[in-house]
Amino acid sequence: MTGAHDPTGAEGGPSPAPSPAGAHPAPPERPGPSAPHLAYPPPGYPSGPYPAAPPLSAPPFTAPPLSAPPFAAAVPATAAPARRGPLAIVAFGLIVLLLIVVAAQTFVLIRLDNRLDRTVASTTRADGNSNGRIRGLEGRVVELERQAGKSLDAAAVAAQVSPSVFRVIAGDSSGTAFAIGREPSGGGTDLLTNFHVVESLYNSGGRDVALERDNKRYSAKIVKVGDGGKDIALLHTTEKFSRLQPSKATIASGQPVVVIGAPLGLEDTVTTGVVSALRTTADGPVIQFSAPINPGNSGGPVVDAQKQVVGIATAKASRAEGIGLAIPISIACDTFAVC
């Protein structure tokens, strides 16, 4: 019978009742521990033969062929270039600027060094020329000094020397004394005179003498006298006076000199002359000069054109004029160590 469904199954058992048209077969029963048994078809469905359900068919499934993608060679990874930020740009600009500054300074230093070399060379040449000029000027100064020594300015010498020259009174004798040398360690002033001016007082045991100048009197003491027949004596006063300086130049015949003293008690008497000769006597060397002197000049300074003491006036020829004698100042300086 067409469209009839064989109620016999393949195994000879009864076939399940057909489903209504368009109905889906019931899902298989899932086992479970407490699943209730449901009747199929459920109650209320009409019974009877049902039209056969159209066969269920699906297109055959064809699995796609399994294939691996082609193997690609590994490409080494490279870091992406970093973007330069504003700070990096500024730093780069500063480095460039610093390099420019260093290069400029180097260039300037090189130029300065070259200029310095040229300046040193020029200065060396100038120094050579200057030294030659200085030597020439020194020679001229020496010559001028020599010429000035021949033309002594007695007034200028007397004005500077006289404040250091005093009349000395020692008992019944009088003469001249002058301040000399450096300042004593204990203060005051050292003075030189002839021993024969203070000899009578000294031999009698007296040591106190008086110094007079400009109507003023100052006290002084005899400190030392020359030994071995040296006609010199050292006085000291607590007063401070301007001091003369000894000459260290070699004395020459013809050299002009000024003698200042108190002949016959007349203070600040000035006479001029020249060094006549250098003599040697039984008492030692003496300077012969032509400036007039008289009793009271003894112990006074004999001064050159440079206002320095060259000797101590000590005697004169009694039966001649213009022959005076002086003890070289170096003898007094060496004997008393006051210069």
C-alpha atoms as a PDB file:
ATOM      1  CA  MET A   1       0.000   0.000   0.000  1.00  0.00           C
ATOM      2  CA  THR A   2       1.504   3.214  -1.126  1.00  0.00           C
ATOM      3  CA  GLY A   3       2.685   5.437   1.620  1.00  0.00           C
ATOM      4  CA  ALA A   4       2.011   2.682   4.133  1.00  0.00           C
ATOM      5  CA  HIS A   5       4.607   2.332   6.870  1.00  0.00           C
ATOM      6  CA  ASP A   6       5.803  -1.089   7.832  1.00  0.00           C
ATOM      7  CA  PRO A   7       4.941  -1.534  11.423  1.00  0.00           C
ATOM      8  CA  THR A   8       7.578  -4.142  11.746  1.00  0.00           C
ATOM      9  CA  GLY A   9      11.009  -2.964  12.566  1.00  0.00           C
ATOM     10  CA  ALA A  10      14.152  -4.324  11.150  1.00  0.00           C
ATOM     11  CA  GLU A  11      14.538  -6.582  14.140  1.00  0.00           C
ATOM     12  CA  GLY A  12      10.909  -7.763  13.918  1.00  0.00           C
ATOM     13  CA  GLY A  13       9.731  -5.634  16.810  1.00  0.00           C
ATOM     14  CA  PRO A  14       6.975  -3.191  16.695  1.00  0.00           C
ATOM     15  CA  SER A  15       7.780   0.151  15.142  1.00  0.00           C
ATOM     16  CA  PRO A  16       7.033   3.293  16.992  1.00  0.00           C
ATOM     17  CA  ALA A  17       3.839   5.046  16.114  1.00  0.00           C
ATOM     18  CA  PRO A  18       4.255   7.547  13.353  1.00  0.00           C
ATOM     19  CA  SER A  19       4.330  11.241  14.227  1.00  0.00           C
ATOM     20  CA  PRO A  20       1.830  13.680  12.926  1.00  0.00           C
ATOM     21  CA  ALA A  21       2.770  15.381   9.720  1.00  0.00           C
ATOM     22  CA  GLY A  22       5.288  18.036  10.127  1.00  0.00           C
ATOM     23  CA  ALA A  23       6.140  16.922  13.608  1.00  0.00           C
ATOM     24  CA  HIS A  24       9.744  16.325  14.668  1.00  0.00           C
ATOM     25  CA  PRO A  25      10.718  13.080  16.215  1.00  0.00           C
ATOM     26  CA  ALA A  26      11.087  13.223  19.940  1.00  0.00           C
ATOM     27  CA  PRO A  27      14.572  13.796  21.247  1.00  0.00           C
ATOM     28  CA  PRO A  28      16.236  10.791  22.671  1.00  0.00           C
ATOM     29  CA  GLU A  29      15.723  10.275  26.297  1.00  0.00           C
ATOM     30  CA  ARG A  30      18.570  11.484  28.463  1.00  0.00           C
ATOM     31  CA  PRO A  31      19.369   9.247  31.260  1.00  0.00           C
ATOM     32  CA  GLY A  32      19.216  10.738  34.652  1.00  0.00           C
ATOM     33  CA  PRO A  33      18.797   9.596  38.106  1.00  0.00           C
ATOM     34  CA  SER A  34      15.360  11.066  38.565  1.00  0.00           C
ATOM     35  CA  ALA A  35      14.047  11.806  35.029  1.00  0.00           C
ATOM     36  CA  PRO A  36      10.341  10.734  34.822  1.00  0.00           C
ATOM     37  CA  HIS A  37       9.231   8.512  32.033  1.00  0.00           C
ATOM     38  CA  LEU A  38       7.205  10.518  29.543  1.00  0.00           C
ATOM     39  CA  ALA A  39       4.814   8.727  27.245  1.00  0.00           C
ATOM     40  CA  TYR A  40       5.068   9.433  23.597  1.00  0.00           C
ATOM     41  CA  PRO A  41       2.995  10.610  22.069  1.00  0.00           C
ATOM     42  CA  PRO A  42       1.665  12.549  24.972  1.00  0.00           C
ATOM     43  CA  PRO A  43      -1.875  12.049  25.993  1.00  0.00           C
ATOM     44  CA  GLY A  44      -4.393  13.998  23.997  1.00  0.00           C
ATOM     45  CA  TYR A  45      -2.753  13.570  20.670  1.00  0.00           C
ATOM     46  CA  PRO A  46      -4.966  11.738  18.150  1.00  0.00           C
ATOM     47  CA  SER A  47      -4.034   8.236  17.494  1.00  0.00           C
ATOM     48  CA  GLY A  48      -4.105   6.517  14.239  1.00  0.00           C
ATOM     49  CA  PRO A  49      -1.823   6.200  11.356  1.00  0.00           C
ATOM     50  CA  TYR A  50       0.009   9.325  10.409  1.00  0.00           C
ATOM     51  CA  PRO A  51       1.407  10.207   7.062  1.00  0.00           C
ATOM     52  CA  ALA A  52       4.936   9.316   6.667  1.00  0.00           C
ATOM     53  CA  ALA A  53       7.372  12.066   7.424  1.00  0.00           C
ATOM     54  CA  PRO A  54       9.565  13.112   4.605  1.00  0.00           C
ATOM     55  CA  PRO A  55      12.922  11.720   4.860  1.00  0.00           C
ATOM     56  CA  LEU A  56      15.434  14.009   6.516  1.00  0.00           C
ATOM     57  CA  SER A  57      18.402  14.590   4.430  1.00  0.00           C
ATOM     58  CA  ALA A  58      21.381  16.943   4.623  1.00  0.00           C
ATOM     59  CA  PRO A  59      24.060  17.721   2.086  1.00  0.00           C
ATOM     60  CA  PRO A  60      27.012  15.545   2.558  1.00  0.00           C
ATOM     61  CA  PHE A  61      29.699  17.167   4.737  1.00  0.00           C
ATOM     62  CA  THR A  62      33.003  17.424   3.161  1.00  0.00           C
ATOM     63  CA  ALA A  63      35.848  18.378   5.490  1.00  0.00           C
ATOM     64  CA  PRO A  64      38.127  21.038   4.020  1.00  0.00           C
ATOM     65  CA  PRO A  65      41.593  19.824   3.373  1.00  0.00           C
ATOM     66  CA  LEU A  66      43.938  20.593   6.190  1.00  0.00           C
ATOM     67  CA  SER A  67      46.919  22.642   5.006  1.00  0.00           C
ATOM     68  CA  ALA A  68      49.460  24.765   6.844  1.00  0.00           C
ATOM     69  CA  PRO A  69      50.216  28.258   5.658  1.00  0.00           C
ATOM     70  CA  PRO A  70      53.467  28.584   3.859  1.00  0.00           C
ATOM     71  CA  PHE A  71      56.391  29.022   6.267  1.00  0.00           C
ATOM     72  CA  ALA A  72      57.647  32.586   6.223  1.00  0.00           C
ATOM     73  CA  ALA A  73      61.241  33.303   7.155  1.00  0.00           C
ATOM     74  CA  ALA A  74      61.601  35.093  10.439  1.00  0.00           C
ATOM     75  CA  VAL A  75      62.164  38.775   9.944  1.00  0.00           C
ATOM     76  CA  PRO A  76      64.450  40.300  12.553  1.00  0.00           C
ATOM     77  CA  ALA A  77      62.630  42.782  14.659  1.00  0.00           C
ATOM     78  CA  THR A  78      63.912  46.337  14.432  1.00  0.00           C
ATOM     79  CA  ALA A  79      63.258  49.048  16.934  1.00  0.00           C
ATOM     80  CA  ALA A  80      61.141  51.800  15.663  1.00  0.00           C
ATOM     81  CA  PRO A  81      63.018  55.098  15.463  1.00  0.00           C
ATOM     82  CA  ALA A  82      62.396  57.167  18.577  1.00  0.00           C
ATOM     83  CA  ARG A  83      60.920  60.540  18.064  1.00  0.00           C
ATOM     84  CA  ARG A  84      63.120  63.462  19.159  1.00  0.00           C
ATOM     85  CA  GLY A  85      61.398  65.525  21.776  1.00  0.00           C
ATOM     86  CA  PRO A  86      61.875  69.300  22.349  1.00  0.00           C
ATOM     87  CA  LEU A  87      64.396  68.676  25.174  1.00  0.00           C
ATOM     88  CA  ALA A  88      66.632  66.598  22.897  1.00  0.00           C
ATOM     89  CA  ILE A  89      66.541  69.313  20.250  1.00  0.00           C
ATOM     90  CA  VAL A  90      67.452  71.976  22.789  1.00  0.00           C
ATOM     91  CA  ALA A  91      70.332  69.835  24.140  1.00  0.00           C
ATOM     92  CA  PHE A  92      71.637  69.279  20.638  1.00  0.00           C
ATOM     93  CA  GLY A  93      71.474  73.010  19.958  1.00  0.00           C
ATOM     94  CA  LEU A  94      73.369  73.791  23.173  1.00  0.00           C
ATOM     95  CA  ILE A  95      76.096  71.289  22.268  1.00  0.00           C
ATOM     96  CA  VAL A  96      76.487  72.889  18.843  1.00  0.00           C
ATOM     97  CA  LEU A  97      76.591  76.350  20.425  1.00  0.00           C
ATOM     98  CA  LEU A  98      79.202  75.192  22.965  1.00  0.00           C
ATOM     99  CA  LEU A  99      81.380  73.789  20.203  1.00  0.00           C
ATOM    100  CA  ILE A 100      81.136  77.092  18.354  1.00  0.00           C
ATOM    101  CA  VAL A 101      82.099  79.035  21.480  1.00  0.00           C
ATOM    102  CA  VAL A 102      85.073  76.744  22.188  1.00  0.00           C
ATOM    103  CA  ALA A 103      86.262  77.089  18.616  1.00  0.00           C
ATOM    104  CA  ALA A 104      85.939  80.866  18.793  1.00  0.00           C
ATOM    105  CA  GLN A 105      87.812  81.047  22.094  1.00  0.00           C
ATOM    106  CA  THR A 106      90.564  78.822  20.743  1.00  0.00           C
ATOM    107  CA  PHE A 107      90.910  81.095  17.748  1.00  0.00           C
ATOM    108  CA  VAL A 108      91.041  84.190  19.968  1.00  0.00           C
ATOM    109  CA  LEU A 109      93.637  82.587  22.274  1.00  0.00           C
ATOM    110  CA  ILE A 110      95.828  81.694  19.319  1.00  0.00           C
ATOM    111  CA  ARG A 111      95.661  85.261  18.071  1.00  0.00           C
ATOM    112  CA  LEU A 112      96.408  86.630  21.543  1.00  0.00           C
ATOM    113  CA  ASP A 113      99.355  84.265  21.905  1.00  0.00           C
ATOM    114  CA  ASN A 114     100.737  85.477  18.585  1.00  0.00           C
ATOM    115  CA  ARG A 115     100.266  89.081  19.655  1.00  0.00           C
ATOM    116  CA  LEU A 116     101.943  88.354  22.991  1.00  0.00           C
ATOM    117  CA  ASP A 117     104.931  86.824  21.224  1.00  0.00           C
ATOM    118  CA  ARG A 118     105.232  89.906  19.048  1.00  0.00           C
ATOM    119  CA  THR A 119     104.832  92.170  22.083  1.00  0.00           C
ATOM    120  CA  VAL A 120     107.508  90.283  24.025  1.00  0.00           C
ATOM    121  CA  ALA A 121     109.884  90.512  21.112  1.00  0.00           C
ATOM    122  CA  SER A 122     109.162  94.215  20.737  1.00  0.00           C
ATOM    123  CA  THR A 123     109.562  94.759  24.500  1.00  0.00           C
ATOM    124  CA  THR A 124     112.878  92.929  24.480  1.00  0.00           C
ATOM    125  CA  ARG A 125     114.150  95.176  21.739  1.00  0.00           C
ATOM    126  CA  ALA A 126     112.824  98.221  23.574  1.00  0.00           C
ATOM    127  CA  ASP A 127     114.474  97.046  26.817  1.00  0.00           C
ATOM    128  CA  GLY A 128     117.769  96.728  25.018  1.00  0.00           C
ATOM    129  CA  ASN A 129     117.407 100.239  23.687  1.00  0.00           C
ATOM    130  CA  SER A 130     116.262 101.524  27.094  1.00  0.00           C
ATOM    131  CA  ASN A 131     119.185  99.886  28.871  1.00  0.00           C
ATOM    132  CA  GLY A 132     121.546 101.539  26.483  1.00  0.00           C
ATOM    133  CA  ARG A 133     119.868 104.886  27.082  1.00  0.00           C
ATOM    134  CA  ILE A 134     119.913 104.361  30.862  1.00  0.00           C
ATOM    135  CA  ARG A 135     123.609 103.577  30.787  1.00  0.00           C
ATOM    136  CA  GLY A 136     124.157 106.705  28.764  1.00  0.00           C
ATOM    137  CA  LEU A 137     122.094 108.750  31.229  1.00  0.00           C
ATOM    138  CA  GLU A 138     123.966 107.282  34.189  1.00  0.00           C
ATOM    139  CA  GLY A 139     127.212 108.309  32.596  1.00  0.00           C
ATOM    140  CA  ARG A 140     125.888 111.801  32.084  1.00  0.00           C
ATOM    141  CA  VAL A 141     124.662 111.991  35.699  1.00  0.00           C
ATOM    142  CA  VAL A 142     128.084 110.976  36.961  1.00  0.00           C
ATOM    143  CA  GLU A 143     129.661 113.614  34.804  1.00  0.00           C
ATOM    144  CA  LEU A 144     127.140 116.214  35.978  1.00  0.00           C
ATOM    145  CA  GLU A 145     127.814 115.305  39.589  1.00  0.00           C
ATOM    146  CA  ARG A 146     131.507 115.668  38.959  1.00  0.00           C
ATOM    147  CA  GLN A 147     130.935 119.051  37.361  1.00  0.00           C
ATOM    148  CA  ALA A 148     128.600 120.063  40.219  1.00  0.00           C
ATOM    149  CA  GLY A 149     131.291 119.100  42.687  1.00  0.00           C
ATOM    150  CA  LYS A 150     133.554 121.594  41.019  1.00  0.00           C
ATOM    151  CA  SER A 151     130.929 124.307  41.323  1.00  0.00           C
ATOM    152  CA  LEU A 152     129.956 123.959  44.987  1.00  0.00           C
ATOM    153  CA  ASP A 153     126.742 125.647  46.145  1.00  0.00           C
ATOM    154  CA  ALA A 154     128.051 126.699  49.560  1.00  0.00           C
ATOM    155  CA  ALA A 155     124.796 128.411  50.553  1.00  0.00           C
ATOM    156  CA  ALA A 156     122.719 125.255  49.938  1.00  0.00           C
ATOM    157  CA  VAL A 157     125.240 123.117  51.788  1.00  0.00           C
ATOM    158  CA  ALA A 158     125.372 125.476  54.765  1.00  0.00           C
ATOM    159  CA  ALA A 159     121.556 125.722  54.957  1.00  0.00           C
ATOM    160  CA  GLN A 160     121.189 121.962  55.261  1.00  0.00           C
ATOM    161  CA  VAL A 161     124.235 121.238  57.442  1.00  0.00           C
ATOM    162  CA  SER A 162     124.168 124.088  59.979  1.00  0.00           C
ATOM    163  CA  PRO A 163     121.158 122.807  62.063  1.00  0.00           C
ATOM    164  CA  SER A 164     123.281 119.762  62.989  1.00  0.00           C
ATOM    165  CA  VAL A 165     126.330 121.791  64.125  1.00  0.00           C
ATOM    166  CA  PHE A 166     126.735 123.093  67.731  1.00  0.00           C
ATOM    167  CA  ARG A 167     129.143 125.088  69.857  1.00  0.00           C
ATOM    168  CA  VAL A 168     130.427 122.770  72.609  1.00  0.00           C
ATOM    169  CA  ILE A 169     131.587 124.119  75.995  1.00  0.00           C
ATOM    170  CA  ALA A 170     133.715 121.788  78.134  1.00  0.00           C
ATOM    171  CA  GLY A 171     134.891 123.610  81.265  1.00  0.00           C
ATOM    172  CA  ASP A 172     137.208 126.399  80.187  1.00  0.00           C
ATOM    173  CA  SER A 173     137.496 125.121  76.591  1.00  0.00           C
ATOM    174  CA  SER A 174     135.141 125.511  73.671  1.00  0.00           C
ATOM    175  CA  GLY A 175     134.979 124.171  70.186  1.00  0.00           C
ATOM    176  CA  THR A 176     132.503 122.645  67.711  1.00  0.00           C
ATOM    177  CA  ALA A 177     130.534 119.374  67.638  1.00  0.00           C
ATOM    178  CA  PHE A 178     128.089 117.934  65.064  1.00  0.00           C
ATOM    179  CA  ALA A 179     125.372 115.251  65.108  1.00  0.00           C
ATOM    180  CA  ILE A 180     126.243 112.191  63.028  1.00  0.00           C
ATOM    181  CA  GLY A 181     125.187 108.717  62.015  1.00  0.00           C
ATOM    182  CA  ARG A 182     122.168 106.605  62.873  1.00  0.00           C
ATOM    183  CA  GLU A 183     119.800 107.036  65.787  1.00  0.00           C
ATOM    184  CA  PRO A 184     121.120 105.360  68.979  1.00  0.00           C
ATOM    185  CA  SER A 185     119.182 102.361  70.267  1.00  0.00           C
ATOM    186  CA  GLY A 186     118.462 104.185  73.519  1.00  0.00           C
ATOM    187  CA  GLY A 187     117.271 107.361  71.777  1.00  0.00           C
ATOM    188  CA  GLY A 188     118.834 110.781  71.745  1.00  0.00           C
ATOM    189  CA  THR A 189     121.680 111.887  69.467  1.00  0.00           C
ATOM    190  CA  ASP A 190     125.390 111.079  69.115  1.00  0.00           C
ATOM    191  CA  LEU A 191     127.855 113.872  68.280  1.00  0.00           C
ATOM    192  CA  LEU A 192     131.539 114.003  67.287  1.00  0.00           C
ATOM    193  CA  THR A 193     134.211 116.524  68.265  1.00  0.00           C
ATOM    194  CA  ASN A 194     137.971 116.653  68.855  1.00  0.00           C
ATOM    195  CA  PHE A 195     139.436 115.134  71.976  1.00  0.00           C
ATOM    196  CA  HIS A 196     141.552 118.215  72.607  1.00  0.00           C
ATOM    197  CA  VAL A 197     138.322 120.256  72.932  1.00  0.00           C
ATOM    198  CA  VAL A 198     137.208 118.191  75.981  1.00  0.00           C
ATOM    199  CA  GLU A 199     140.612 116.922  77.044  1.00  0.00           C
ATOM    200  CA  SER A 200     141.075 119.152  80.110  1.00  0.00           C
ATOM    201  CA  LEU A 201     137.582 118.329  81.461  1.00  0.00           C
ATOM    202  CA  TYR A 202     137.867 114.660  80.664  1.00  0.00           C
ATOM    203  CA  ASN A 203     141.276 114.254  82.332  1.00  0.00           C
ATOM    204  CA  SER A 204     139.946 115.948  85.457  1.00  0.00           C
ATOM    205  CA  GLY A 205     137.163 113.403  85.639  1.00  0.00           C
ATOM    206  CA  GLY A 206     134.428 115.596  84.251  1.00  0.00           C
ATOM    207  CA  ARG A 207     131.983 114.174  81.713  1.00  0.00           C
ATOM    208  CA  ASP A 208     129.265 116.813  81.418  1.00  0.00           C
ATOM    209  CA  VAL A 209     129.445 119.339  78.598  1.00  0.00           C
ATOM    210  CA  ALA A 210     127.040 121.886  77.123  1.00  0.00           C
ATOM    211  CA  LEU A 211     125.812 122.313  73.549  1.00  0.00           C
ATOM    212  CA  GLU A 212     124.732 125.751  72.356  1.00  0.00           C
ATOM    213  CA  ARG A 213     122.792 126.806  69.263  1.00  0.00           C
ATOM    214  CA  ASP A 214     120.406 129.660  68.510  1.00  0.00           C
ATOM    215  CA  ASN A 215     120.766 130.951  72.075  1.00  0.00           C
ATOM    216  CA  LYS A 216     119.661 127.588  73.466  1.00  0.00           C
ATOM    217  CA  ARG A 217     121.727 125.286  75.653  1.00  0.00           C
ATOM    218  CA  TYR A 218     121.502 121.488  75.819  1.00  0.00           C
ATOM    219  CA  SER A 219     123.314 119.125  78.153  1.00  0.00           C
ATOM    220  CA  ALA A 220     125.496 116.287  76.850  1.00  0.00           C
ATOM    221  CA  LYS A 221     128.048 113.792  78.179  1.00  0.00           C
ATOM    222  CA  ILE A 222     131.437 112.566  77.022  1.00  0.00           C
ATOM    223  CA  VAL A 223     130.863 108.898  76.203  1.00  0.00           C
ATOM    224  CA  LYS A 224     134.136 107.784  74.591  1.00  0.00           C
ATOM    225  CA  VAL A 225     137.452 109.233  73.470  1.00  0.00           C
ATOM    226  CA  GLY A 226     139.855 108.106  70.785  1.00  0.00           C
ATOM    227  CA  ASP A 227     142.684 105.771  71.708  1.00  0.00           C
ATOM    228  CA  GLY A 228     146.175 105.619  70.271  1.00  0.00           C
ATOM    229  CA  GLY A 229     146.480 109.367  69.922  1.00  0.00           C
ATOM    230  CA  LYS A 230     143.297 109.759  67.829  1.00  0.00           C
ATOM    231  CA  ASP A 231     142.056 113.320  68.368  1.00  0.00           C
ATOM    232  CA  ILE A 232     138.349 112.388  68.446  1.00  0.00           C
ATOM    233  CA  ALA A 233     135.667 112.161  71.140  1.00  0.00           C
ATOM    234  CA  LEU A 234     132.061 110.895  71.184  1.00  0.00           C
ATOM    235  CA  LEU A 235     129.334 112.893  72.912  1.00  0.00           C
ATOM    236  CA  HIS A 236     125.721 111.912  73.595  1.00  0.00           C
ATOM    237  CA  THR A 237     122.629 113.961  74.396  1.00  0.00           C
ATOM    238  CA  THR A 238     119.076 112.912  75.160  1.00  0.00           C
ATOM    239  CA  GLU A 239     117.855 115.585  72.751  1.00  0.00           C
ATOM    240  CA  LYS A 240     116.987 114.659  69.189  1.00  0.00           C
ATOM    241  CA  PHE A 241     118.693 116.597  66.410  1.00  0.00           C
ATOM    242  CA  SER A 242     118.993 116.152  62.670  1.00  0.00           C
ATOM    243  CA  ARG A 243     122.054 114.022  61.898  1.00  0.00           C
ATOM    244  CA  LEU A 244     124.592 114.348  59.111  1.00  0.00           C
ATOM    245  CA  GLN A 245     125.697 111.371  57.025  1.00  0.00           C
ATOM    246  CA  PRO A 246     129.311 110.339  56.387  1.00  0.00           C
ATOM    247  CA  SER A 247     130.638 110.315  52.846  1.00  0.00           C
ATOM    248  CA  LYS A 248     131.655 106.927  51.449  1.00  0.00           C
ATOM    249  CA  ALA A 249     133.202 108.397  48.300  1.00  0.00           C
ATOM    250  CA  THR A 250     136.922 108.485  47.737  1.00  0.00           C
ATOM    251  CA  ILE A 251     138.403 111.871  48.571  1.00  0.00           C
ATOM    252  CA  ALA A 252     140.308 113.540  45.756  1.00  0.00           C
ATOM    253  CA  SER A 253     142.551 116.567  45.554  1.00  0.00           C
ATOM    254  CA  GLY A 254     140.752 119.593  44.146  1.00  0.00           C
ATOM    255  CA  GLN A 255     137.415 118.461  45.579  1.00  0.00           C
ATOM    256  CA  PRO A 256     135.501 121.510  46.955  1.00  0.00           C
ATOM    257  CA  VAL A 257     134.558 121.492  50.636  1.00  0.00           C
ATOM    258  CA  VAL A 258     132.698 123.613  53.166  1.00  0.00           C
ATOM    259  CA  VAL A 259     133.776 123.985  56.813  1.00  0.00           C
ATOM    260  CA  ILE A 260     131.187 125.044  59.427  1.00  0.00           C
ATOM    261  CA  GLY A 261     132.057 125.828  63.044  1.00  0.00           C
ATOM    262  CA  ALA A 262     132.267 128.346  65.849  1.00  0.00           C
ATOM    263  CA  PRO A 263     135.691 130.035  65.574  1.00  0.00           C
ATOM    264  CA  LEU A 264     136.298 132.241  68.615  1.00  0.00           C
ATOM    265  CA  GLY A 265     132.810 131.286  69.746  1.00  0.00           C
ATOM    266  CA  LEU A 266     131.086 132.632  66.626  1.00  0.00           C
ATOM    267  CA  GLU A 267     128.396 130.074  65.732  1.00  0.00           C
ATOM    268  CA  ASP A 268     127.553 129.028  62.169  1.00  0.00           C
ATOM    269  CA  THR A 269     130.702 130.398  60.611  1.00  0.00           C
ATOM    270  CA  VAL A 270     131.004 129.056  57.038  1.00  0.00           C
ATOM    271  CA  THR A 271     134.222 128.921  54.996  1.00  0.00           C
ATOM    272  CA  THR A 272     134.917 127.211  51.694  1.00  0.00           C
ATOM    273  CA  GLY A 273     137.960 125.720  49.996  1.00  0.00           C
ATOM    274  CA  VAL A 274     139.185 122.582  48.296  1.00  0.00           C
ATOM    275  CA  VAL A 275     140.945 119.432  49.341  1.00  0.00           C
ATOM    276  CA  SER A 276     144.574 120.362  48.905  1.00  0.00           C
ATOM    277  CA  ALA A 277     146.104 116.954  49.495  1.00  0.00           C
ATOM    278  CA  LEU A 278     145.874 113.690  51.442  1.00  0.00           C
ATOM    279  CA  ARG A 279     148.672 113.402  54.019  1.00  0.00           C
ATOM    280  CA  THR A 280     149.999 110.776  56.389  1.00  0.00           C
ATOM    281  CA  THR A 281     151.313 111.886  59.798  1.00  0.00           C
ATOM    282  CA  ALA A 282     152.565 110.145  62.919  1.00  0.00           C
ATOM    283  CA  ASP A 283     148.974 110.123  64.227  1.00  0.00           C
ATOM    284  CA  GLY A 284     147.527 108.680  60.999  1.00  0.00           C
ATOM    285  CA  PRO A 285     146.106 109.962  57.701  1.00  0.00           C
ATOM    286  CA  VAL A 286     144.804 113.532  57.475  1.00  0.00           C
ATOM    287  CA  ILE A 287     143.039 115.643  54.857  1.00  0.00           C
ATOM    288  CA  GLN A 288     144.697 118.953  53.988  1.00  0.00           C
ATOM    289  CA  PHE A 289     142.220 121.616  52.855  1.00  0.00           C
ATOM    290  CA  SER A 290     142.369 125.326  51.989  1.00  0.00           C
ATOM    291  CA  ALA A 291     139.253 126.637  53.799  1.00  0.00           C
ATOM    292  CA  PRO A 292     140.245 129.118  56.540  1.00  0.00           C
ATOM    293  CA  ILE A 293     139.773 127.899  60.133  1.00  0.00           C
ATOM    294  CA  ASN A 294     140.575 129.373  63.547  1.00  0.00           C
ATOM    295  CA  PRO A 295     140.496 128.338  67.199  1.00  0.00           C
ATOM    296  CA  GLY A 296     136.944 127.220  67.908  1.00  0.00           C
ATOM    297  CA  ASN A 297     136.584 125.437  64.515  1.00  0.00           C
ATOM    298  CA  SER A 298     138.111 122.334  66.096  1.00  0.00           C
ATOM    299  CA  GLY A 299     135.634 119.434  65.951  1.00  0.00           C
ATOM    300  CA  GLY A 300     133.562 121.007  63.159  1.00  0.00           C
ATOM    301  CA  PRO A 301     132.491 119.077  60.013  1.00  0.00           C
ATOM    302  CA  VAL A 302     134.265 119.338  56.649  1.00  0.00           C
ATOM    303  CA  VAL A 303     131.455 118.721  54.114  1.00  0.00           C
ATOM    304  CA  ASP A 304     131.486 117.960  50.376  1.00  0.00           C
ATOM    305  CA  ALA A 305     129.124 119.221  47.661  1.00  0.00           C
ATOM    306  CA  GLN A 306     126.722 116.344  48.354  1.00  0.00           C
ATOM    307  CA  LYS A 307     126.283 117.643  51.945  1.00  0.00           C
ATOM    308  CA  GLN A 308     128.072 114.633  53.425  1.00  0.00           C
ATOM    309  CA  VAL A 309     130.875 114.757  55.988  1.00  0.00           C
ATOM    310  CA  VAL A 310     134.352 113.905  54.700  1.00  0.00           C
ATOM    311  CA  GLY A 311     136.355 114.883  57.787  1.00  0.00           C
ATOM    312  CA  ILE A 312     136.599 116.553  61.228  1.00  0.00           C
ATOM    313  CA  ALA A 313     138.523 119.844  61.309  1.00  0.00           C
ATOM    314  CA  THR A 314     141.294 119.444  63.871  1.00  0.00           C
ATOM    315  CA  ALA A 315     144.207 121.894  63.340  1.00  0.00           C
ATOM    316  CA  LYS A 316     145.771 124.621  61.223  1.00  0.00           C
ATOM    317  CA  ALA A 317     149.292 125.674  60.406  1.00  0.00           C
ATOM    318  CA  SER A 318     150.263 128.395  62.863  1.00  0.00           C
ATOM    319  CA  ARG A 319     152.788 130.169  60.607  1.00  0.00           C
ATOM    320  CA  ALA A 320     150.881 129.870  57.322  1.00  0.00           C
ATOM    321  CA  GLU A 321     147.495 130.635  55.807  1.00  0.00           C
ATOM    322  CA  GLY A 322     145.143 128.264  54.044  1.00  0.00           C
ATOM    323  CA  ILE A 323     146.576 125.092  55.503  1.00  0.00           C
ATOM    324  CA  GLY A 324     144.012 123.249  57.574  1.00  0.00           C
ATOM    325  CA  LEU A 325     143.947 119.605  58.589  1.00  0.00           C
ATOM    326  CA  ALA A 326     141.034 117.234  59.142  1.00  0.00           C
ATOM    327  CA  ILE A 327     140.712 113.667  60.398  1.00  0.00           C
ATOM    328  CA  PRO A 328     138.937 111.447  57.811  1.00  0.00           C
ATOM    329  CA  ILE A 329     135.386 110.671  58.951  1.00  0.00           C
ATOM    330  CA  SER A 330     135.968 106.956  58.346  1.00  0.00           C
ATOM    331  CA  ILE A 331     138.372 106.847  61.322  1.00  0.00           C
ATOM    332  CA  ALA A 332     135.720 108.175  63.725  1.00  0.00           C
ATOM    333  CA  CYS A 333     133.030 105.882  62.284  1.00  0.00           C
ATOM    334  CA  ASP A 334     135.252 102.834  62.683  1.00  0.00           C
ATOM    335  CA  THR A 335     136.408 103.810  66.187  1.00  0.00           C
ATOM    336  CA  PHE A 336     132.980 104.525  67.696  1.00  0.00           C
ATOM    337  CA  ALA A 337     130.702 102.483  65.361  1.00  0.00           C
ATOM    338  CA  VAL A 338     128.077 105.209  65.191  1.00  0.00           C
ATOM    339  CA  CYS A 339     127.827 105.724  61.405  1.00  0.00           C
END
